Amino acid sequence: METSRSGHCVYIDTVVDGPIPAVRDGQGLPCWYATRAEAQREIADNMITRLQEFIDGEREFEDAMTVEEYIVEVDVLPDGSVLDAEGNLFGAR
C-alpha cells in the first residue's frame, strides 16, 4: 500500500480561495518539491522572470519586486494531491 510523503509547495494567497498552490503541472495537480531548497529555487526563478519583464518594459518595477509566493510543507498523497497542515486538500483541477 502506497503512503504519503513529505514535500513542499509554492503557495500564494488569493482573495476568493485563500492560500492555494501557485504552480500546477500539465495534469492540473499541484507541483511539489522534495526539498525546501527546490521550492525556493522555483520562487527565485519566478522573480528573475518578473525582473526581466521589468527590464524589457513589460512590467512595473513595484510589481516585479513584489514576492507573493511562499513555501508550505505538505503531505503528497499517492494520487498526486497535496494536504497542508491546515487540512486543505488540493488535487487536480
N, C-alpha and C. Protein backbone atom coordinates (compact mmCIF):
# COMPACT_ATOMS: atom_id res chain seq x y z
N MET A 1 0.84 -1.19 0.00
CA MET A 1 0.00 0.00 0.00
C MET A 1 0.89 1.25 0.00
N GLU A 2 0.63 2.14 -0.94
CA GLU A 2 1.41 3.36 -1.06
C GLU A 2 0.97 4.37 -0.01
N THR A 3 1.93 5.07 0.57
CA THR A 3 1.62 6.07 1.59
C THR A 3 2.01 7.46 1.11
N SER A 4 1.67 8.44 1.90
CA SER A 4 2.03 9.81 1.55
C SER A 4 3.50 10.04 1.85
N ARG A 5 4.03 11.12 1.26
CA ARG A 5 5.41 11.52 1.52
C ARG A 5 5.43 13.01 1.75
N SER A 6 6.47 13.48 2.36
CA SER A 6 6.61 14.89 2.68
C SER A 6 7.12 15.65 1.45
N GLY A 7 6.62 16.86 1.28
CA GLY A 7 7.06 17.71 0.18
C GLY A 7 6.82 19.18 0.52
N HIS A 8 7.08 20.01 -0.44
CA HIS A 8 6.91 21.46 -0.29
C HIS A 8 6.22 22.00 -1.52
N CYS A 9 5.28 22.91 -1.31
CA CYS A 9 4.59 23.59 -2.41
C CYS A 9 4.83 25.08 -2.31
N VAL A 10 4.80 25.73 -3.46
CA VAL A 10 4.82 27.18 -3.51
C VAL A 10 3.36 27.62 -3.48
N TYR A 11 3.01 28.45 -2.49
CA TYR A 11 1.64 28.93 -2.30
C TYR A 11 1.56 30.42 -2.58
N ILE A 12 0.34 30.86 -2.86
CA ILE A 12 0.00 32.29 -2.88
C ILE A 12 -1.32 32.45 -2.14
N ASP A 13 -1.58 33.64 -1.64
CA ASP A 13 -2.87 33.95 -1.01
C ASP A 13 -3.77 34.59 -2.05
N THR A 14 -4.99 34.07 -2.17
CA THR A 14 -5.97 34.64 -3.09
C THR A 14 -7.14 35.20 -2.30
N VAL A 15 -7.83 36.15 -2.87
CA VAL A 15 -8.98 36.76 -2.21
C VAL A 15 -10.13 35.76 -2.10
N VAL A 16 -10.39 35.03 -3.17
CA VAL A 16 -11.54 34.14 -3.20
C VAL A 16 -11.29 32.81 -2.49
N ASP A 17 -10.15 32.16 -2.79
CA ASP A 17 -9.89 30.82 -2.29
C ASP A 17 -8.94 30.74 -1.11
N GLY A 18 -8.37 31.87 -0.70
CA GLY A 18 -7.39 31.85 0.37
C GLY A 18 -6.07 31.29 -0.12
N PRO A 19 -5.28 30.65 0.76
CA PRO A 19 -3.99 30.10 0.36
C PRO A 19 -4.15 28.88 -0.55
N ILE A 20 -3.46 28.92 -1.69
CA ILE A 20 -3.54 27.82 -2.65
C ILE A 20 -2.17 27.58 -3.28
N PRO A 21 -1.92 26.37 -3.80
CA PRO A 21 -0.68 26.14 -4.54
C PRO A 21 -0.65 27.04 -5.78
N ALA A 22 0.49 27.68 -6.00
CA ALA A 22 0.62 28.64 -7.09
C ALA A 22 0.98 27.98 -8.41
N VAL A 23 1.55 26.78 -8.37
CA VAL A 23 2.06 26.13 -9.58
C VAL A 23 1.39 24.76 -9.72
N ARG A 24 0.92 24.47 -10.93
CA ARG A 24 0.32 23.16 -11.21
C ARG A 24 0.98 22.55 -12.43
N ASP A 25 0.94 21.23 -12.50
CA ASP A 25 1.56 20.53 -13.63
C ASP A 25 0.56 20.42 -14.80
N GLY A 26 0.96 19.74 -15.85
CA GLY A 26 0.13 19.60 -17.03
C GLY A 26 -1.17 18.83 -16.80
N GLN A 27 -1.23 18.07 -15.72
CA GLN A 27 -2.44 17.32 -15.39
C GLN A 27 -3.32 18.07 -14.39
N GLY A 28 -2.92 19.29 -14.02
CA GLY A 28 -3.70 20.09 -13.09
C GLY A 28 -3.41 19.83 -11.63
N LEU A 29 -2.44 18.96 -11.35
CA LEU A 29 -2.07 18.67 -9.96
C LEU A 29 -1.08 19.72 -9.44
N PRO A 30 -1.13 20.03 -8.14
CA PRO A 30 -0.16 20.97 -7.59
C PRO A 30 1.26 20.44 -7.77
N CYS A 31 2.16 21.31 -8.21
CA CYS A 31 3.58 20.94 -8.27
C CYS A 31 4.12 20.94 -6.85
N TRP A 32 4.92 19.95 -6.55
CA TRP A 32 5.54 19.88 -5.23
C TRP A 32 7.02 19.60 -5.42
N TYR A 33 7.77 19.92 -4.40
CA TYR A 33 9.22 19.81 -4.44
C TYR A 33 9.67 18.99 -3.24
N ALA A 34 10.65 18.14 -3.46
CA ALA A 34 11.12 17.24 -2.40
C ALA A 34 11.80 18.00 -1.27
N THR A 35 12.44 19.13 -1.60
CA THR A 35 13.15 19.88 -0.57
C THR A 35 12.70 21.34 -0.58
N ARG A 36 12.91 22.00 0.55
CA ARG A 36 12.61 23.42 0.66
C ARG A 36 13.47 24.21 -0.33
N ALA A 37 14.72 23.80 -0.52
CA ALA A 37 15.63 24.50 -1.44
C ALA A 37 15.09 24.46 -2.88
N GLU A 38 14.53 23.34 -3.30
CA GLU A 38 13.95 23.27 -4.64
C GLU A 38 12.78 24.23 -4.78
N ALA A 39 11.94 24.32 -3.75
CA ALA A 39 10.82 25.26 -3.78
C ALA A 39 11.33 26.70 -3.78
N GLN A 40 12.38 26.97 -3.03
CA GLN A 40 12.97 28.31 -3.02
C GLN A 40 13.50 28.68 -4.41
N ARG A 41 14.10 27.71 -5.09
CA ARG A 41 14.60 27.96 -6.45
C ARG A 41 13.46 28.31 -7.40
N GLU A 42 12.31 27.67 -7.24
CA GLU A 42 11.14 27.98 -8.06
C GLU A 42 10.72 29.44 -7.85
N ILE A 43 10.66 29.87 -6.60
CA ILE A 43 10.30 31.26 -6.31
C ILE A 43 11.34 32.21 -6.90
N ALA A 44 12.62 31.88 -6.75
CA ALA A 44 13.68 32.73 -7.30
C ALA A 44 13.58 32.81 -8.82
N ASP A 45 13.30 31.69 -9.47
CA ASP A 45 13.15 31.67 -10.92
C ASP A 45 11.99 32.57 -11.36
N ASN A 46 10.88 32.51 -10.63
CA ASN A 46 9.74 33.37 -10.93
C ASN A 46 10.12 34.85 -10.77
N MET A 47 10.89 35.15 -9.74
CA MET A 47 11.30 36.53 -9.51
C MET A 47 12.23 37.01 -10.63
N ILE A 48 13.14 36.16 -11.07
CA ILE A 48 14.04 36.52 -12.17
C ILE A 48 13.23 36.83 -13.43
N THR A 49 12.22 36.03 -13.68
CA THR A 49 11.35 36.26 -14.84
C THR A 49 10.66 37.62 -14.73
N ARG A 50 10.11 37.93 -13.55
CA ARG A 50 9.44 39.22 -13.35
C ARG A 50 10.42 40.39 -13.51
N LEU A 51 11.63 40.24 -13.00
CA LEU A 51 12.64 41.30 -13.15
C LEU A 51 13.01 41.49 -14.61
N GLN A 52 13.14 40.41 -15.37
CA GLN A 52 13.45 40.53 -16.80
C GLN A 52 12.29 41.22 -17.53
N GLU A 53 11.07 40.91 -17.13
CA GLU A 53 9.92 41.58 -17.74
C GLU A 53 9.96 43.08 -17.44
N PHE A 54 10.39 43.47 -16.24
CA PHE A 54 10.56 44.90 -15.93
C PHE A 54 11.62 45.51 -16.84
N ILE A 55 12.76 44.86 -16.95
CA ILE A 55 13.85 45.38 -17.79
C ILE A 55 13.38 45.53 -19.24
N ASP A 56 12.55 44.60 -19.70
CA ASP A 56 12.04 44.64 -21.07
C ASP A 56 10.87 45.60 -21.25
N GLY A 57 10.46 46.29 -20.15
CA GLY A 57 9.37 47.25 -20.24
C GLY A 57 7.99 46.64 -20.22
N GLU A 58 7.88 45.38 -19.80
CA GLU A 58 6.60 44.67 -19.81
C GLU A 58 5.90 44.68 -18.46
N ARG A 59 6.55 45.21 -17.42
CA ARG A 59 6.00 45.14 -16.06
C ARG A 59 6.52 46.34 -15.29
N GLU A 60 5.71 46.83 -14.35
CA GLU A 60 6.11 47.93 -13.48
C GLU A 60 7.14 47.43 -12.45
N PHE A 61 8.01 48.33 -11.99
CA PHE A 61 9.07 47.98 -11.05
C PHE A 61 8.51 47.39 -9.76
N GLU A 62 7.51 48.06 -9.17
CA GLU A 62 6.95 47.59 -7.89
C GLU A 62 6.37 46.19 -8.02
N ASP A 63 5.72 45.94 -9.15
CA ASP A 63 5.14 44.62 -9.39
C ASP A 63 6.24 43.57 -9.54
N ALA A 64 7.32 43.92 -10.23
CA ALA A 64 8.43 42.99 -10.43
C ALA A 64 9.12 42.65 -9.11
N MET A 65 9.16 43.60 -8.19
CA MET A 65 9.88 43.41 -6.92
C MET A 65 9.03 42.74 -5.84
N THR A 66 7.74 42.63 -6.06
CA THR A 66 6.85 42.05 -5.06
C THR A 66 6.86 40.53 -5.15
N VAL A 67 7.16 39.90 -4.03
CA VAL A 67 7.15 38.43 -3.96
C VAL A 67 5.96 38.02 -3.10
N GLU A 68 5.00 37.40 -3.73
CA GLU A 68 3.79 36.97 -3.02
C GLU A 68 3.83 35.48 -2.69
N GLU A 69 4.71 34.75 -3.34
CA GLU A 69 4.79 33.31 -3.14
C GLU A 69 5.52 32.99 -1.83
N TYR A 70 5.11 31.90 -1.22
CA TYR A 70 5.79 31.40 -0.02
C TYR A 70 5.70 29.88 -0.02
N ILE A 71 6.46 29.25 0.83
CA ILE A 71 6.59 27.80 0.83
C ILE A 71 5.78 27.19 1.98
N VAL A 72 5.06 26.13 1.66
CA VAL A 72 4.27 25.41 2.64
C VAL A 72 4.68 23.93 2.59
N GLU A 73 4.95 23.36 3.74
CA GLU A 73 5.22 21.92 3.81
C GLU A 73 3.90 21.18 3.67
N VAL A 74 3.89 20.14 2.84
CA VAL A 74 2.67 19.39 2.56
C VAL A 74 2.94 17.90 2.61
N ASP A 75 1.87 17.14 2.74
CA ASP A 75 1.92 15.70 2.52
C ASP A 75 1.46 15.45 1.10
N VAL A 76 2.27 14.74 0.33
CA VAL A 76 1.92 14.39 -1.04
C VAL A 76 1.28 13.01 -1.01
N LEU A 77 0.03 12.94 -1.44
CA LEU A 77 -0.72 11.70 -1.40
C LEU A 77 -0.44 10.86 -2.65
N PRO A 78 -0.73 9.57 -2.61
CA PRO A 78 -0.42 8.67 -3.73
C PRO A 78 -0.99 9.13 -5.08
N ASP A 79 -2.14 9.82 -5.06
CA ASP A 79 -2.75 10.26 -6.32
C ASP A 79 -2.17 11.59 -6.83
N GLY A 80 -1.19 12.15 -6.11
CA GLY A 80 -0.55 13.40 -6.52
C GLY A 80 -1.16 14.64 -5.90
N SER A 81 -2.26 14.49 -5.18
CA SER A 81 -2.84 15.64 -4.48
C SER A 81 -1.99 15.94 -3.25
N VAL A 82 -2.14 17.14 -2.71
CA VAL A 82 -1.36 17.54 -1.54
C VAL A 82 -2.29 17.99 -0.42
N LEU A 83 -1.85 17.75 0.80
CA LEU A 83 -2.59 18.10 2.00
C LEU A 83 -1.69 18.95 2.87
N ASP A 84 -2.16 20.16 3.24
CA ASP A 84 -1.32 21.02 4.08
C ASP A 84 -1.72 20.88 5.55
N ALA A 85 -0.97 21.53 6.42
CA ALA A 85 -1.19 21.41 7.87
C ALA A 85 -2.53 21.97 8.31
N GLU A 86 -3.13 22.84 7.49
CA GLU A 86 -4.44 23.41 7.82
C GLU A 86 -5.58 22.49 7.40
N GLY A 87 -5.24 21.36 6.81
CA GLY A 87 -6.25 20.41 6.38
C GLY A 87 -6.79 20.68 4.97
N ASN A 88 -6.18 21.60 4.25
CA ASN A 88 -6.61 21.89 2.88
C ASN A 88 -6.06 20.84 1.94
N LEU A 89 -6.95 20.24 1.15
CA LEU A 89 -6.58 19.21 0.19
C LEU A 89 -6.70 19.80 -1.21
N PHE A 90 -5.61 19.70 -1.99
CA PHE A 90 -5.60 20.22 -3.36
C PHE A 90 -5.25 19.09 -4.30
N GLY A 91 -6.17 18.81 -5.22
CA GLY A 91 -5.95 17.78 -6.23
C GLY A 91 -5.97 18.40 -7.61
N ALA A 92 -6.27 17.56 -8.61
CA ALA A 92 -6.32 18.04 -10.00
C ALA A 92 -7.49 18.99 -10.16
N ARG A 93 -7.28 19.98 -11.00
CA ARG A 93 -8.38 20.92 -11.34
C ARG A 93 -9.00 20.50 -12.62
